[in-house]
Amino acid sequence: MPVGAVEAHGPHLALSTDVVIADAMAEAAGERLMAQGWTALILPALDYTPAPFAAEFVGTISIRSETMTALLEDIASAIAGWGVEVLAIANAHLDPTHLGALYAARDRIHEQTSLRCVFPDVTRRRWASRLGEEFLSGACHAGRYETSIVLAADPTRVRDERDGLVANPASLSVAIRAGQTTFLEAGGPSAYFGDPAAASATEGAGWIAELGDILATAIDDPQNR
């Protein structure tokens, strides 16, 4: 199940950027799983999620974390009777509140259904180390990494304004550890971090393949059982 958000992504990317990335991740993982002998079904994406970090920007729609967790529980309950073994979440939205809701939902799904819920948290170093220098730096919201993926997956969602944007090296991960709770506090007055002008579709295709492999790998990882 692709999981994204509706939130500000600078002056150059669509509000639905995380959904585009999550869809691409799910499709890439599905192809790998089918090649390995699985039957992979891709659910419609979950668009509306907690996004308080970007809530100050017009266009962002943030829901309560309890709503998110309950919705995932209900979806899992609905598909548990289909003979499905695993619910794999292709998550591209990294707001801390949202991640907390996903962890809570995963635990409840394990408690209440027969499904195994897999959710590789790409903010953890074991996965983040596979996604490049900008991603590891924490300056990667609507920057080179995300803009490259959208250029590869759906270039119509990238505006020409990105060519003139100056790189913003402020790190969201550092800001989060320091207790900051919004893009503005973290040093993102235009709701982007990183270097979107350096993005390319070729690089983005590589990140999509890597994300698909991360999700497919997580399904067989004992740490996710």
N, C-alpha and C. Protein backbone atom coordinates (compact mmCIF):
# COMPACT_ATOMS: atom_id res chain seq x y z
N MET A 1 0.83 -1.18 0.00
CA MET A 1 0.00 0.00 0.00
C MET A 1 0.88 1.24 0.00
N PRO A 2 0.79 2.06 -1.06
CA PRO A 2 1.54 3.32 -1.06
C PRO A 2 0.93 4.28 -0.04
N VAL A 3 1.79 4.95 0.71
CA VAL A 3 1.36 5.93 1.71
C VAL A 3 2.17 7.20 1.51
N GLY A 4 1.47 8.31 1.31
CA GLY A 4 2.15 9.59 1.09
C GLY A 4 1.58 10.67 1.98
N ALA A 5 1.36 11.85 1.41
CA ALA A 5 0.82 12.98 2.15
C ALA A 5 0.37 14.04 1.17
N VAL A 6 -0.40 14.98 1.67
CA VAL A 6 -0.73 16.20 0.92
C VAL A 6 -0.10 17.34 1.71
N GLU A 7 1.07 17.79 1.26
CA GLU A 7 1.80 18.82 2.00
C GLU A 7 2.70 19.61 1.07
N ALA A 8 3.09 20.79 1.55
CA ALA A 8 3.94 21.69 0.77
C ALA A 8 5.28 21.04 0.45
N HIS A 9 5.68 21.19 -0.82
CA HIS A 9 6.98 20.71 -1.28
C HIS A 9 7.65 21.79 -2.12
N GLY A 10 7.88 22.94 -1.49
CA GLY A 10 8.56 24.02 -2.18
C GLY A 10 7.73 24.64 -3.29
N PRO A 11 8.31 25.58 -4.03
CA PRO A 11 7.59 26.23 -5.14
C PRO A 11 7.61 25.42 -6.43
N HIS A 12 8.23 24.22 -6.40
CA HIS A 12 8.48 23.50 -7.64
C HIS A 12 7.85 22.12 -7.72
N LEU A 13 7.42 21.56 -6.59
CA LEU A 13 6.83 20.22 -6.60
C LEU A 13 5.38 20.26 -6.14
N ALA A 14 4.63 19.26 -6.58
CA ALA A 14 3.21 19.17 -6.25
C ALA A 14 2.99 18.81 -4.79
N LEU A 15 1.82 19.17 -4.26
CA LEU A 15 1.47 18.79 -2.90
C LEU A 15 1.46 17.27 -2.73
N SER A 16 1.20 16.56 -3.80
CA SER A 16 1.09 15.10 -3.77
C SER A 16 2.42 14.39 -4.04
N THR A 17 3.52 15.09 -3.87
CA THR A 17 4.84 14.51 -4.18
C THR A 17 5.08 13.18 -3.48
N ASP A 18 4.77 13.10 -2.20
CA ASP A 18 5.02 11.86 -1.46
C ASP A 18 4.18 10.70 -1.99
N VAL A 19 3.00 11.01 -2.50
CA VAL A 19 2.15 9.97 -3.09
C VAL A 19 2.79 9.45 -4.37
N VAL A 20 3.32 10.37 -5.19
CA VAL A 20 4.02 9.96 -6.42
C VAL A 20 5.19 9.03 -6.09
N ILE A 21 5.96 9.39 -5.07
CA ILE A 21 7.12 8.58 -4.68
C ILE A 21 6.67 7.23 -4.14
N ALA A 22 5.64 7.23 -3.29
CA ALA A 22 5.15 5.98 -2.72
C ALA A 22 4.60 5.05 -3.79
N ASP A 23 3.87 5.60 -4.76
CA ASP A 23 3.36 4.79 -5.87
C ASP A 23 4.51 4.14 -6.64
N ALA A 24 5.54 4.93 -6.92
CA ALA A 24 6.68 4.40 -7.67
C ALA A 24 7.40 3.32 -6.87
N MET A 25 7.53 3.52 -5.57
CA MET A 25 8.17 2.52 -4.70
C MET A 25 7.37 1.23 -4.70
N ALA A 26 6.05 1.33 -4.57
CA ALA A 26 5.20 0.14 -4.54
C ALA A 26 5.27 -0.63 -5.87
N GLU A 27 5.24 0.09 -6.97
CA GLU A 27 5.30 -0.58 -8.28
C GLU A 27 6.64 -1.28 -8.47
N ALA A 28 7.73 -0.62 -8.09
CA ALA A 28 9.05 -1.24 -8.23
C ALA A 28 9.17 -2.48 -7.35
N ALA A 29 8.64 -2.39 -6.12
CA ALA A 29 8.67 -3.55 -5.23
C ALA A 29 7.80 -4.68 -5.77
N GLY A 30 6.63 -4.33 -6.30
CA GLY A 30 5.74 -5.35 -6.86
C GLY A 30 6.39 -6.13 -7.98
N GLU A 31 7.13 -5.44 -8.83
CA GLU A 31 7.82 -6.11 -9.93
C GLU A 31 8.86 -7.10 -9.40
N ARG A 32 9.60 -6.70 -8.37
CA ARG A 32 10.60 -7.60 -7.80
C ARG A 32 9.95 -8.81 -7.13
N LEU A 33 8.87 -8.55 -6.41
CA LEU A 33 8.20 -9.64 -5.71
C LEU A 33 7.60 -10.65 -6.68
N MET A 34 7.01 -10.15 -7.76
CA MET A 34 6.44 -11.05 -8.77
C MET A 34 7.54 -11.91 -9.39
N ALA A 35 8.71 -11.30 -9.62
CA ALA A 35 9.83 -12.04 -10.19
C ALA A 35 10.33 -13.12 -9.24
N GLN A 36 10.09 -12.93 -7.93
CA GLN A 36 10.51 -13.89 -6.92
C GLN A 36 9.44 -14.94 -6.63
N GLY A 37 8.31 -14.86 -7.33
CA GLY A 37 7.27 -15.86 -7.16
C GLY A 37 6.11 -15.46 -6.28
N TRP A 38 6.12 -14.22 -5.73
CA TRP A 38 4.99 -13.75 -4.95
C TRP A 38 3.85 -13.31 -5.88
N THR A 39 2.65 -13.28 -5.34
CA THR A 39 1.55 -12.58 -6.00
C THR A 39 1.43 -11.24 -5.30
N ALA A 40 1.71 -10.17 -6.02
CA ALA A 40 1.74 -8.83 -5.42
C ALA A 40 0.57 -8.01 -5.93
N LEU A 41 -0.23 -7.49 -5.01
CA LEU A 41 -1.35 -6.61 -5.33
C LEU A 41 -1.05 -5.23 -4.78
N ILE A 42 -1.26 -4.19 -5.59
CA ILE A 42 -1.00 -2.82 -5.13
C ILE A 42 -2.32 -2.12 -4.86
N LEU A 43 -2.50 -1.69 -3.62
CA LEU A 43 -3.71 -0.98 -3.22
C LEU A 43 -3.65 0.47 -3.67
N PRO A 44 -4.81 1.13 -3.77
CA PRO A 44 -4.80 2.58 -4.01
C PRO A 44 -4.04 3.29 -2.90
N ALA A 45 -3.39 4.38 -3.23
CA ALA A 45 -2.55 5.09 -2.26
C ALA A 45 -3.39 5.76 -1.18
N LEU A 46 -2.78 5.86 0.00
CA LEU A 46 -3.35 6.63 1.11
C LEU A 46 -2.72 8.01 1.06
N ASP A 47 -3.53 9.02 0.73
CA ASP A 47 -3.03 10.38 0.49
C ASP A 47 -2.98 11.23 1.75
N TYR A 48 -4.04 11.17 2.55
CA TYR A 48 -4.17 12.10 3.68
C TYR A 48 -3.60 11.48 4.94
N THR A 49 -2.59 12.13 5.52
CA THR A 49 -1.86 11.59 6.66
C THR A 49 -1.44 12.75 7.58
N PRO A 50 -0.91 12.47 8.77
CA PRO A 50 -0.42 13.54 9.63
C PRO A 50 0.75 14.28 8.98
N ALA A 51 0.68 15.60 8.94
CA ALA A 51 1.75 16.41 8.33
C ALA A 51 1.94 17.72 9.08
N PRO A 52 2.09 17.68 10.41
CA PRO A 52 2.17 18.92 11.17
C PRO A 52 3.40 19.76 10.87
N PHE A 53 4.51 19.16 10.41
CA PHE A 53 5.70 19.94 10.10
C PHE A 53 5.42 20.97 9.01
N ALA A 54 4.54 20.65 8.08
CA ALA A 54 4.26 21.54 6.96
C ALA A 54 2.93 22.28 7.11
N ALA A 55 2.30 22.17 8.27
CA ALA A 55 0.93 22.68 8.44
C ALA A 55 0.83 24.19 8.27
N GLU A 56 1.93 24.93 8.44
CA GLU A 56 1.90 26.39 8.30
C GLU A 56 1.77 26.83 6.84
N PHE A 57 1.97 25.90 5.91
CA PHE A 57 1.93 26.25 4.49
C PHE A 57 0.57 25.91 3.90
N VAL A 58 -0.01 26.87 3.19
CA VAL A 58 -1.30 26.66 2.54
C VAL A 58 -1.19 25.49 1.56
N GLY A 59 -2.19 24.63 1.58
CA GLY A 59 -2.19 23.45 0.72
C GLY A 59 -1.96 22.17 1.49
N THR A 60 -1.25 22.27 2.60
CA THR A 60 -1.00 21.09 3.44
C THR A 60 -2.29 20.69 4.15
N ILE A 61 -2.60 19.41 4.12
CA ILE A 61 -3.75 18.86 4.86
C ILE A 61 -3.22 17.81 5.82
N SER A 62 -3.31 18.10 7.10
CA SER A 62 -2.79 17.21 8.13
C SER A 62 -3.93 16.62 8.94
N ILE A 63 -3.94 15.29 9.08
CA ILE A 63 -4.96 14.64 9.88
C ILE A 63 -4.36 14.19 11.21
N ARG A 64 -5.22 13.81 12.16
CA ARG A 64 -4.73 13.36 13.47
C ARG A 64 -4.06 11.99 13.35
N SER A 65 -3.05 11.77 14.16
CA SER A 65 -2.35 10.49 14.12
C SER A 65 -3.27 9.33 14.48
N GLU A 66 -4.23 9.58 15.41
CA GLU A 66 -5.17 8.52 15.78
C GLU A 66 -6.04 8.12 14.60
N THR A 67 -6.40 9.11 13.77
CA THR A 67 -7.20 8.83 12.58
C THR A 67 -6.42 7.94 11.62
N MET A 68 -5.16 8.28 11.43
CA MET A 68 -4.29 7.51 10.54
C MET A 68 -4.15 6.07 11.01
N THR A 69 -3.87 5.89 12.29
CA THR A 69 -3.70 4.55 12.83
C THR A 69 -4.97 3.74 12.69
N ALA A 70 -6.11 4.35 13.01
CA ALA A 70 -7.39 3.64 12.91
C ALA A 70 -7.72 3.27 11.48
N LEU A 71 -7.41 4.15 10.55
CA LEU A 71 -7.68 3.86 9.14
C LEU A 71 -6.85 2.67 8.66
N LEU A 72 -5.59 2.63 9.03
CA LEU A 72 -4.75 1.50 8.63
C LEU A 72 -5.25 0.20 9.27
N GLU A 73 -5.69 0.27 10.52
CA GLU A 73 -6.27 -0.91 11.16
C GLU A 73 -7.48 -1.42 10.39
N ASP A 74 -8.36 -0.50 9.99
CA ASP A 74 -9.56 -0.88 9.26
C ASP A 74 -9.23 -1.49 7.90
N ILE A 75 -8.25 -0.91 7.22
CA ILE A 75 -7.84 -1.45 5.91
C ILE A 75 -7.29 -2.86 6.09
N ALA A 76 -6.45 -3.05 7.09
CA ALA A 76 -5.87 -4.37 7.35
C ALA A 76 -6.96 -5.38 7.66
N SER A 77 -7.94 -4.98 8.47
CA SER A 77 -9.04 -5.90 8.80
C SER A 77 -9.82 -6.29 7.57
N ALA A 78 -9.98 -5.35 6.65
CA ALA A 78 -10.76 -5.61 5.43
C ALA A 78 -10.07 -6.62 4.52
N ILE A 79 -8.72 -6.58 4.47
CA ILE A 79 -8.02 -7.48 3.55
C ILE A 79 -7.53 -8.76 4.21
N ALA A 80 -7.64 -8.84 5.54
CA ALA A 80 -7.12 -10.02 6.25
C ALA A 80 -7.80 -11.30 5.81
N GLY A 81 -9.05 -11.21 5.39
CA GLY A 81 -9.78 -12.41 4.99
C GLY A 81 -9.57 -12.82 3.54
N TRP A 82 -8.71 -12.13 2.84
CA TRP A 82 -8.49 -12.44 1.42
C TRP A 82 -7.45 -13.55 1.20
N GLY A 83 -6.85 -14.03 2.27
CA GLY A 83 -5.75 -14.97 2.11
C GLY A 83 -4.42 -14.27 1.92
N VAL A 84 -4.39 -12.97 2.22
CA VAL A 84 -3.16 -12.19 2.08
C VAL A 84 -2.24 -12.49 3.27
N GLU A 85 -0.97 -12.67 3.00
CA GLU A 85 -0.01 -12.97 4.06
C GLU A 85 0.61 -11.72 4.65
N VAL A 86 0.92 -10.73 3.79
CA VAL A 86 1.68 -9.56 4.22
C VAL A 86 1.01 -8.29 3.72
N LEU A 87 0.91 -7.30 4.60
CA LEU A 87 0.57 -5.94 4.19
C LEU A 87 1.86 -5.15 4.24
N ALA A 88 2.39 -4.79 3.08
CA ALA A 88 3.65 -4.06 2.99
C ALA A 88 3.35 -2.59 2.71
N ILE A 89 3.84 -1.72 3.56
CA ILE A 89 3.57 -0.29 3.43
C ILE A 89 4.74 0.39 2.73
N ALA A 90 4.46 0.96 1.56
CA ALA A 90 5.45 1.73 0.81
C ALA A 90 5.30 3.19 1.22
N ASN A 91 6.02 3.57 2.26
CA ASN A 91 5.85 4.90 2.85
C ASN A 91 6.90 5.88 2.35
N ALA A 92 6.42 7.07 1.90
CA ALA A 92 7.34 8.10 1.42
C ALA A 92 7.22 9.40 2.21
N HIS A 93 6.46 9.38 3.28
CA HIS A 93 6.23 10.59 4.10
C HIS A 93 6.93 10.40 5.44
N LEU A 94 7.80 11.36 5.82
CA LEU A 94 8.72 11.13 6.92
C LEU A 94 8.48 12.05 8.12
N ASP A 95 7.34 12.71 8.18
CA ASP A 95 7.02 13.53 9.35
C ASP A 95 7.02 12.64 10.59
N PRO A 96 7.68 13.05 11.68
CA PRO A 96 7.76 12.19 12.87
C PRO A 96 6.40 11.76 13.42
N THR A 97 5.42 12.64 13.40
CA THR A 97 4.09 12.27 13.89
C THR A 97 3.49 11.18 13.03
N HIS A 98 3.69 11.29 11.74
CA HIS A 98 3.19 10.28 10.81
C HIS A 98 3.88 8.93 11.04
N LEU A 99 5.20 8.96 11.22
CA LEU A 99 5.92 7.71 11.46
C LEU A 99 5.44 7.04 12.74
N GLY A 100 5.15 7.84 13.76
CA GLY A 100 4.63 7.28 14.99
C GLY A 100 3.29 6.59 14.79
N ALA A 101 2.44 7.19 13.95
CA ALA A 101 1.14 6.59 13.65
C ALA A 101 1.31 5.27 12.90
N LEU A 102 2.30 5.19 12.02
CA LEU A 102 2.55 3.96 11.29
C LEU A 102 3.04 2.84 12.21
N TYR A 103 3.94 3.18 13.12
CA TYR A 103 4.41 2.17 14.07
C TYR A 103 3.26 1.66 14.95
N ALA A 104 2.41 2.58 15.39
CA ALA A 104 1.27 2.17 16.22
C ALA A 104 0.33 1.28 15.43
N ALA A 105 0.09 1.62 14.17
CA ALA A 105 -0.79 0.81 13.33
C ALA A 105 -0.19 -0.57 13.10
N ARG A 106 1.11 -0.63 12.84
CA ARG A 106 1.75 -1.93 12.61
C ARG A 106 1.57 -2.84 13.83
N ASP A 107 1.79 -2.29 15.02
CA ASP A 107 1.64 -3.09 16.23
C ASP A 107 0.22 -3.60 16.41
N ARG A 108 -0.75 -2.74 16.16
CA ARG A 108 -2.15 -3.14 16.34
C ARG A 108 -2.58 -4.15 15.28
N ILE A 109 -2.08 -4.00 14.06
CA ILE A 109 -2.40 -4.96 13.01
C ILE A 109 -1.88 -6.35 13.39
N HIS A 110 -0.68 -6.40 13.96
CA HIS A 110 -0.13 -7.69 14.41
C HIS A 110 -0.95 -8.28 15.54
N GLU A 111 -1.47 -7.43 16.40
CA GLU A 111 -2.26 -7.91 17.54
C GLU A 111 -3.65 -8.38 17.12
N GLN A 112 -4.24 -7.73 16.13
CA GLN A 112 -5.66 -7.92 15.85
C GLN A 112 -5.97 -8.73 14.59
N THR A 113 -4.98 -8.98 13.74
CA THR A 113 -5.24 -9.71 12.50
C THR A 113 -4.18 -10.79 12.30
N SER A 114 -4.37 -11.59 11.29
CA SER A 114 -3.40 -12.63 10.93
C SER A 114 -2.32 -12.10 9.99
N LEU A 115 -2.43 -10.85 9.59
CA LEU A 115 -1.47 -10.26 8.65
C LEU A 115 -0.14 -9.97 9.32
N ARG A 116 0.91 -10.08 8.55
CA ARG A 116 2.20 -9.52 8.95
C ARG A 116 2.34 -8.17 8.26
N CYS A 117 2.49 -7.12 9.02
CA CYS A 117 2.61 -5.77 8.47
C CYS A 117 4.07 -5.37 8.41
N VAL A 118 4.55 -5.04 7.22
CA VAL A 118 5.94 -4.67 6.99
C VAL A 118 6.02 -3.20 6.64
N PHE A 119 6.89 -2.49 7.34
CA PHE A 119 7.04 -1.06 7.12
C PHE A 119 8.51 -0.69 7.31
N PRO A 120 9.30 -0.68 6.21
CA PRO A 120 10.70 -0.27 6.34
C PRO A 120 10.79 1.25 6.53
N ASP A 121 11.23 1.67 7.71
CA ASP A 121 11.35 3.08 8.03
C ASP A 121 12.66 3.60 7.45
N VAL A 122 12.58 4.32 6.33
CA VAL A 122 13.80 4.74 5.64
C VAL A 122 14.56 5.85 6.37
N THR A 123 14.03 6.34 7.48
CA THR A 123 14.81 7.28 8.29
C THR A 123 15.85 6.55 9.13
N ARG A 124 15.74 5.23 9.23
CA ARG A 124 16.73 4.45 9.98
C ARG A 124 17.95 4.20 9.09
N ARG A 125 19.12 4.24 9.71
CA ARG A 125 20.36 4.23 8.94
C ARG A 125 20.49 3.01 8.03
N ARG A 126 20.00 1.87 8.45
CA ARG A 126 20.16 0.66 7.63
C ARG A 126 19.54 0.82 6.26
N TRP A 127 18.47 1.61 6.17
CA TRP A 127 17.86 1.90 4.88
C TRP A 127 18.35 3.23 4.31
N ALA A 128 18.47 4.24 5.15
CA ALA A 128 18.87 5.57 4.69
C ALA A 128 20.23 5.55 4.01
N SER A 129 21.12 4.68 4.47
CA SER A 129 22.47 4.61 3.90
C SER A 129 22.45 4.18 2.44
N ARG A 130 21.32 3.65 1.98
CA ARG A 130 21.20 3.21 0.59
C ARG A 130 20.64 4.30 -0.32
N LEU A 131 20.28 5.46 0.25
CA LEU A 131 19.55 6.46 -0.51
C LEU A 131 20.34 7.75 -0.79
N GLY A 132 21.63 7.70 -0.62
CA GLY A 132 22.46 8.80 -1.07
C GLY A 132 22.82 9.83 -0.01
N GLU A 133 23.78 10.67 -0.38
CA GLU A 133 24.35 11.65 0.56
C GLU A 133 23.33 12.68 1.02
N GLU A 134 22.53 13.22 0.09
CA GLU A 134 21.56 14.23 0.49
C GLU A 134 20.54 13.66 1.47
N PHE A 135 20.05 12.46 1.17
CA PHE A 135 19.08 11.84 2.08
C PHE A 135 19.69 11.65 3.47
N LEU A 136 20.90 11.16 3.53
CA LEU A 136 21.56 10.95 4.82
C LEU A 136 21.76 12.25 5.58
N SER A 137 21.95 13.35 4.87
CA SER A 137 22.19 14.64 5.51
C SER A 137 20.95 15.17 6.21
N GLY A 138 19.77 14.68 5.81
CA GLY A 138 18.52 15.18 6.37
C GLY A 138 17.97 16.38 5.63
N ALA A 139 18.73 16.91 4.67
CA ALA A 139 18.27 18.03 3.84
C ALA A 139 17.69 17.47 2.54
N CYS A 140 16.55 16.79 2.66
CA CYS A 140 16.07 16.03 1.50
C CYS A 140 14.57 16.17 1.26
N HIS A 141 13.93 17.15 1.85
CA HIS A 141 12.51 17.35 1.57
C HIS A 141 12.37 18.28 0.37
N ALA A 142 11.88 17.74 -0.74
CA ALA A 142 11.73 18.49 -2.00
C ALA A 142 13.07 18.95 -2.56
N GLY A 143 14.14 18.26 -2.16
CA GLY A 143 15.47 18.58 -2.67
C GLY A 143 15.84 17.73 -3.88
N ARG A 144 17.12 17.46 -4.02
CA ARG A 144 17.60 16.70 -5.18
C ARG A 144 17.00 15.30 -5.22
N TYR A 145 16.99 14.64 -4.05
CA TYR A 145 16.50 13.26 -3.98
C TYR A 145 15.04 13.17 -4.42
N GLU A 146 14.15 13.90 -3.78
CA GLU A 146 12.72 13.79 -4.10
C GLU A 146 12.41 14.35 -5.49
N THR A 147 13.04 15.46 -5.85
CA THR A 147 12.78 16.05 -7.17
C THR A 147 13.22 15.10 -8.27
N SER A 148 14.34 14.42 -8.07
CA SER A 148 14.81 13.45 -9.08
C SER A 148 13.80 12.32 -9.25
N ILE A 149 13.24 11.83 -8.16
CA ILE A 149 12.27 10.74 -8.25
C ILE A 149 11.03 11.19 -9.01
N VAL A 150 10.55 12.39 -8.73
CA VAL A 150 9.35 12.88 -9.43
C VAL A 150 9.65 13.12 -10.90
N LEU A 151 10.84 13.61 -11.21
CA LEU A 151 11.22 13.78 -12.62
C LEU A 151 11.18 12.45 -13.36
N ALA A 152 11.55 11.37 -12.69
CA ALA A 152 11.53 10.04 -13.31
C ALA A 152 10.12 9.46 -13.37
N ALA A 153 9.34 9.69 -12.32
CA ALA A 153 8.02 9.04 -12.23
C ALA A 153 6.93 9.83 -12.93
N ASP A 154 6.95 11.15 -12.82
CA ASP A 154 5.89 11.99 -13.40
C ASP A 154 6.40 13.42 -13.57
N PRO A 155 7.18 13.68 -14.61
CA PRO A 155 7.82 14.99 -14.77
C PRO A 155 6.84 16.15 -14.91
N THR A 156 5.58 15.87 -15.22
CA THR A 156 4.59 16.95 -15.32
C THR A 156 4.34 17.60 -13.97
N ARG A 157 4.77 16.95 -12.87
CA ARG A 157 4.55 17.49 -11.53
C ARG A 157 5.75 18.29 -11.01
N VAL A 158 6.70 18.59 -11.89
CA VAL A 158 7.86 19.41 -11.51
C VAL A 158 7.80 20.71 -12.30
N ARG A 159 7.73 21.84 -11.59
CA ARG A 159 7.65 23.15 -12.24
C ARG A 159 9.05 23.65 -12.61
N ASP A 160 9.08 24.52 -13.61
CA ASP A 160 10.35 25.07 -14.09
C ASP A 160 11.06 25.90 -13.03
N GLU A 161 10.33 26.37 -12.02
CA GLU A 161 10.94 27.18 -10.97
C GLU A 161 12.10 26.48 -10.27
N ARG A 162 12.12 25.16 -10.32
CA ARG A 162 13.16 24.44 -9.58
C ARG A 162 14.56 24.76 -10.12
N ASP A 163 14.67 25.13 -11.41
CA ASP A 163 15.98 25.40 -11.98
C ASP A 163 16.68 26.59 -11.32
N GLY A 164 15.90 27.54 -10.78
CA GLY A 164 16.50 28.72 -10.18
C GLY A 164 16.59 28.68 -8.67
N LEU A 165 16.25 27.58 -8.07
CA LEU A 165 16.26 27.50 -6.62
C LEU A 165 17.68 27.30 -6.07
N VAL A 166 17.99 28.06 -5.03
CA VAL A 166 19.29 27.95 -4.37
C VAL A 166 19.24 26.79 -3.37
N ALA A 167 20.30 26.02 -3.29
CA ALA A 167 20.34 24.88 -2.38
C ALA A 167 20.14 25.34 -0.93
N ASN A 168 19.37 24.57 -0.18
CA ASN A 168 19.15 24.84 1.25
C ASN A 168 19.71 23.66 2.03
N PRO A 169 20.86 23.83 2.69
CA PRO A 169 21.51 22.71 3.37
C PRO A 169 20.96 22.41 4.76
N ALA A 170 19.94 23.14 5.22
CA ALA A 170 19.40 22.91 6.56
C ALA A 170 18.89 21.47 6.67
N SER A 171 19.23 20.82 7.78
CA SER A 171 18.89 19.40 7.96
C SER A 171 17.64 19.24 8.80
N LEU A 172 16.67 18.56 8.26
CA LEU A 172 15.46 18.27 9.04
C LEU A 172 15.74 17.29 10.16
N SER A 173 16.59 16.33 9.93
CA SER A 173 16.88 15.35 10.99
C SER A 173 17.56 16.02 12.18
N VAL A 174 18.46 16.97 11.92
CA VAL A 174 19.09 17.72 13.01
C VAL A 174 18.04 18.56 13.74
N ALA A 175 17.15 19.20 12.98
CA ALA A 175 16.11 20.03 13.57
C ALA A 175 15.18 19.20 14.46
N ILE A 176 14.84 18.02 14.01
CA ILE A 176 13.95 17.15 14.79
C ILE A 176 14.62 16.74 16.10
N ARG A 177 15.90 16.38 16.03
CA ARG A 177 16.61 16.01 17.25
C ARG A 177 16.72 17.19 18.22
N ALA A 178 16.70 18.42 17.68
CA ALA A 178 16.78 19.62 18.51
C ALA A 178 15.42 20.05 19.06
N GLY A 179 14.38 19.31 18.71
CA GLY A 179 13.06 19.60 19.24
C GLY A 179 12.24 20.57 18.41
N GLN A 180 12.71 20.91 17.21
CA GLN A 180 11.94 21.80 16.34
C GLN A 180 10.81 21.02 15.69
N THR A 181 9.71 21.70 15.41
CA THR A 181 8.50 20.98 15.00
C THR A 181 7.86 21.49 13.71
N THR A 182 8.49 22.43 13.03
CA THR A 182 7.92 22.94 11.78
C THR A 182 9.04 23.18 10.77
N PHE A 183 8.66 23.25 9.50
CA PHE A 183 9.63 23.58 8.46
C PHE A 183 10.25 24.95 8.71
N LEU A 184 9.44 25.91 9.14
CA LEU A 184 9.96 27.26 9.38
C LEU A 184 11.01 27.25 10.48
N GLU A 185 10.74 26.57 11.58
CA GLU A 185 11.72 26.47 12.65
C GLU A 185 13.00 25.77 12.19
N ALA A 186 12.84 24.81 11.28
CA ALA A 186 13.98 24.01 10.82
C ALA A 186 14.82 24.72 9.76
N GLY A 187 14.39 25.89 9.32
CA GLY A 187 15.16 26.63 8.32
C GLY A 187 14.71 26.42 6.90
N GLY A 188 13.40 26.14 6.73
CA GLY A 188 12.85 25.94 5.39
C GLY A 188 11.72 26.91 5.10
N PRO A 189 12.00 28.20 4.91
CA PRO A 189 10.94 29.19 4.70
C PRO A 189 10.15 28.99 3.42
N SER A 190 10.71 28.23 2.48
CA SER A 190 10.00 27.94 1.23
C SER A 190 9.61 26.47 1.13
N ALA A 191 9.66 25.76 2.25
CA ALA A 191 9.21 24.36 2.34
C ALA A 191 10.02 23.40 1.47
N TYR A 192 11.32 23.72 1.29
CA TYR A 192 12.20 22.73 0.66
C TYR A 192 13.55 22.74 1.35
N PHE A 193 14.21 21.57 1.31
CA PHE A 193 15.52 21.36 1.91
C PHE A 193 16.35 20.54 0.92
N GLY A 194 17.59 20.92 0.73
CA GLY A 194 18.41 20.22 -0.25
C GLY A 194 18.59 21.04 -1.52
N ASP A 195 18.91 20.37 -2.62
CA ASP A 195 19.30 21.04 -3.85
C ASP A 195 18.46 20.57 -5.04
N PRO A 196 17.24 21.07 -5.16
CA PRO A 196 16.37 20.58 -6.25
C PRO A 196 16.90 20.90 -7.64
N ALA A 197 17.67 21.96 -7.79
CA ALA A 197 18.18 22.33 -9.12
C ALA A 197 19.15 21.28 -9.66
N ALA A 198 19.72 20.46 -8.77
CA ALA A 198 20.68 19.43 -9.20
C ALA A 198 20.01 18.11 -9.56
N ALA A 199 18.70 18.05 -9.50
CA ALA A 199 17.97 16.79 -9.73
C ALA A 199 18.01 16.35 -11.18
N SER A 200 17.84 15.04 -11.40
CA SER A 200 17.76 14.50 -12.75
C SER A 200 16.87 13.27 -12.78
N ALA A 201 16.21 13.04 -13.89
CA ALA A 201 15.35 11.87 -14.03
C ALA A 201 16.16 10.58 -13.97
N THR A 202 17.37 10.60 -14.50
CA THR A 202 18.22 9.40 -14.47
C THR A 202 18.53 9.00 -13.03
N GLU A 203 18.88 9.99 -12.21
CA GLU A 203 19.14 9.70 -10.80
C GLU A 203 17.87 9.20 -10.12
N GLY A 204 16.75 9.83 -10.45
CA GLY A 204 15.49 9.44 -9.84
C GLY A 204 15.11 8.00 -10.14
N ALA A 205 15.36 7.54 -11.36
CA ALA A 205 15.05 6.16 -11.71
C ALA A 205 15.86 5.20 -10.84
N GLY A 206 17.09 5.58 -10.54
CA GLY A 206 17.91 4.75 -9.66
C GLY A 206 17.37 4.69 -8.25
N TRP A 207 16.88 5.83 -7.73
CA TRP A 207 16.31 5.84 -6.38
C TRP A 207 15.01 5.05 -6.32
N ILE A 208 14.22 5.10 -7.38
CA ILE A 208 12.98 4.29 -7.40
C ILE A 208 13.33 2.81 -7.32
N ALA A 209 14.31 2.39 -8.08
CA ALA A 209 14.74 0.99 -8.04
C ALA A 209 15.23 0.61 -6.65
N GLU A 210 15.96 1.51 -6.00
CA GLU A 210 16.49 1.24 -4.67
C GLU A 210 15.35 1.14 -3.65
N LEU A 211 14.37 2.04 -3.74
CA LEU A 211 13.23 1.99 -2.83
C LEU A 211 12.43 0.70 -3.01
N GLY A 212 12.25 0.28 -4.26
CA GLY A 212 11.54 -0.97 -4.50
C GLY A 212 12.27 -2.15 -3.91
N ASP A 213 13.60 -2.14 -4.01
CA ASP A 213 14.39 -3.23 -3.45
C ASP A 213 14.34 -3.21 -1.92
N ILE A 214 14.33 -2.01 -1.32
CA ILE A 214 14.22 -1.91 0.13
C ILE A 214 12.93 -2.55 0.62
N LEU A 215 11.81 -2.23 -0.03
CA LEU A 215 10.53 -2.78 0.40
C LEU A 215 10.48 -4.29 0.19
N ALA A 216 10.95 -4.75 -0.96
CA ALA A 216 10.95 -6.19 -1.22
C ALA A 216 11.86 -6.93 -0.24
N THR A 217 13.00 -6.35 0.07
CA THR A 217 13.92 -6.95 1.02
C THR A 217 13.31 -7.02 2.42
N ALA A 218 12.62 -5.96 2.82
CA ALA A 218 12.04 -5.91 4.16
C ALA A 218 11.01 -7.01 4.39
N ILE A 219 10.34 -7.41 3.34
CA ILE A 219 9.31 -8.44 3.48
C ILE A 219 9.93 -9.76 3.94
N ASP A 220 11.13 -10.05 3.50
CA ASP A 220 11.80 -11.30 3.87
C ASP A 220 12.77 -11.13 5.04
N ASP A 221 12.80 -9.95 5.64
CA ASP A 221 13.74 -9.66 6.71
C ASP A 221 13.17 -10.13 8.05
N PRO A 222 13.87 -11.01 8.77
CA PRO A 222 13.37 -11.50 10.07
C PRO A 222 13.06 -10.37 11.04
N GLN A 223 13.74 -9.23 10.94
CA GLN A 223 13.49 -8.12 11.85
C GLN A 223 12.11 -7.51 11.64
N ASN A 224 11.48 -7.82 10.52
CA ASN A 224 10.15 -7.27 10.24
C ASN A 224 9.05 -8.30 10.45
N ARG A 225 9.36 -9.44 11.01
CA ARG A 225 8.36 -10.47 11.25
C ARG A 225 7.68 -10.28 12.58
